[in-house]
Amino acid sequence: MIKNIMKSLMTLVITSSAFLIGFYIGQEKIVSKISDFQEDQE
């Protein structure tokens, strides 16, 4: 019983951290794209 709870908790933690990392990296890429775009306009 407790093993199952620990397994689901670990799965939840891994999934959410992977999502957060992907979201963070995605934001970084978008920010760099925006700054590149602004530099091209000048």
C-alpha atoms as a PDB file:
ATOM      1  CA  MET A   1       0.000   0.000   0.000  1.00  0.00           C
ATOM      2  CA  ILE A   2       2.630   2.538   1.058  1.00  0.00           C
ATOM      3  CA  LYS A   3       4.853   1.453  -1.856  1.00  0.00           C
ATOM      4  CA  ASN A   4       2.057   2.316  -4.286  1.00  0.00           C
ATOM      5  CA  ILE A   5       1.625   5.751  -2.708  1.00  0.00           C
ATOM      6  CA  MET A   6       5.376   6.385  -2.903  1.00  0.00           C
ATOM      7  CA  LYS A   7       5.421   5.270  -6.539  1.00  0.00           C
ATOM      8  CA  SER A   8       2.598   7.616  -7.502  1.00  0.00           C
ATOM      9  CA  LEU A   9       4.209  10.462  -5.557  1.00  0.00           C
ATOM     10  CA  MET A  10       7.535   9.917  -7.322  1.00  0.00           C
ATOM     11  CA  THR A  11       5.773   9.765 -10.690  1.00  0.00           C
ATOM     12  CA  LEU A  12       3.964  12.997  -9.897  1.00  0.00           C
ATOM     13  CA  VAL A  13       7.185  14.734  -8.818  1.00  0.00           C
ATOM     14  CA  ILE A  14       9.110  13.533 -11.885  1.00  0.00           C
ATOM     15  CA  THR A  15       6.333  14.539 -14.276  1.00  0.00           C
ATOM     16  CA  SER A  16       5.848  17.978 -12.748  1.00  0.00           C
ATOM     17  CA  SER A  17       9.595  18.698 -12.592  1.00  0.00           C
ATOM     18  CA  ALA A  18      10.027  17.573 -16.209  1.00  0.00           C
ATOM     19  CA  PHE A  19       7.134  19.851 -17.194  1.00  0.00           C
ATOM     20  CA  LEU A  20       8.617  22.783 -15.265  1.00  0.00           C
ATOM     21  CA  ILE A  21      12.052  22.271 -16.826  1.00  0.00           C
ATOM     22  CA  GLY A  22      10.536  22.100 -20.305  1.00  0.00           C
ATOM     23  CA  PHE A  23       8.459  25.203 -19.600  1.00  0.00           C
ATOM     24  CA  TYR A  24      11.538  27.075 -18.324  1.00  0.00           C
ATOM     25  CA  ILE A  25      13.663  26.098 -21.327  1.00  0.00           C
ATOM     26  CA  GLY A  26      10.801  27.041 -23.657  1.00  0.00           C
ATOM     27  CA  GLN A  27      10.560  30.468 -22.038  1.00  0.00           C
ATOM     28  CA  GLU A  28      14.312  31.006 -22.394  1.00  0.00           C
ATOM     29  CA  LYS A  29      14.107  30.198 -26.123  1.00  0.00           C
ATOM     30  CA  ILE A  30      11.130  32.521 -26.621  1.00  0.00           C
ATOM     31  CA  VAL A  31      12.900  35.360 -24.781  1.00  0.00           C
ATOM     32  CA  SER A  32      16.033  34.964 -26.905  1.00  0.00           C
ATOM     33  CA  LYS A  33      13.892  34.897 -30.069  1.00  0.00           C
ATOM     34  CA  ILE A  34      12.139  38.120 -29.035  1.00  0.00           C
ATOM     35  CA  SER A  35      15.441  39.902 -28.295  1.00  0.00           C
ATOM     36  CA  ASP A  36      16.861  38.743 -31.651  1.00  0.00           C
ATOM     37  CA  PHE A  37      13.748  40.051 -33.394  1.00  0.00           C
ATOM     38  CA  GLN A  38      14.009  43.431 -31.666  1.00  0.00           C
ATOM     39  CA  GLU A  39      17.685  43.728 -32.608  1.00  0.00           C
ATOM     40  CA  ASP A  40      16.858  43.020 -36.273  1.00  0.00           C
ATOM     41  CA  GLN A  41      14.277  45.806 -36.347  1.00  0.00           C
ATOM     42  CA  GLU A  42      16.713  48.586 -35.384  1.00  0.00           C
END
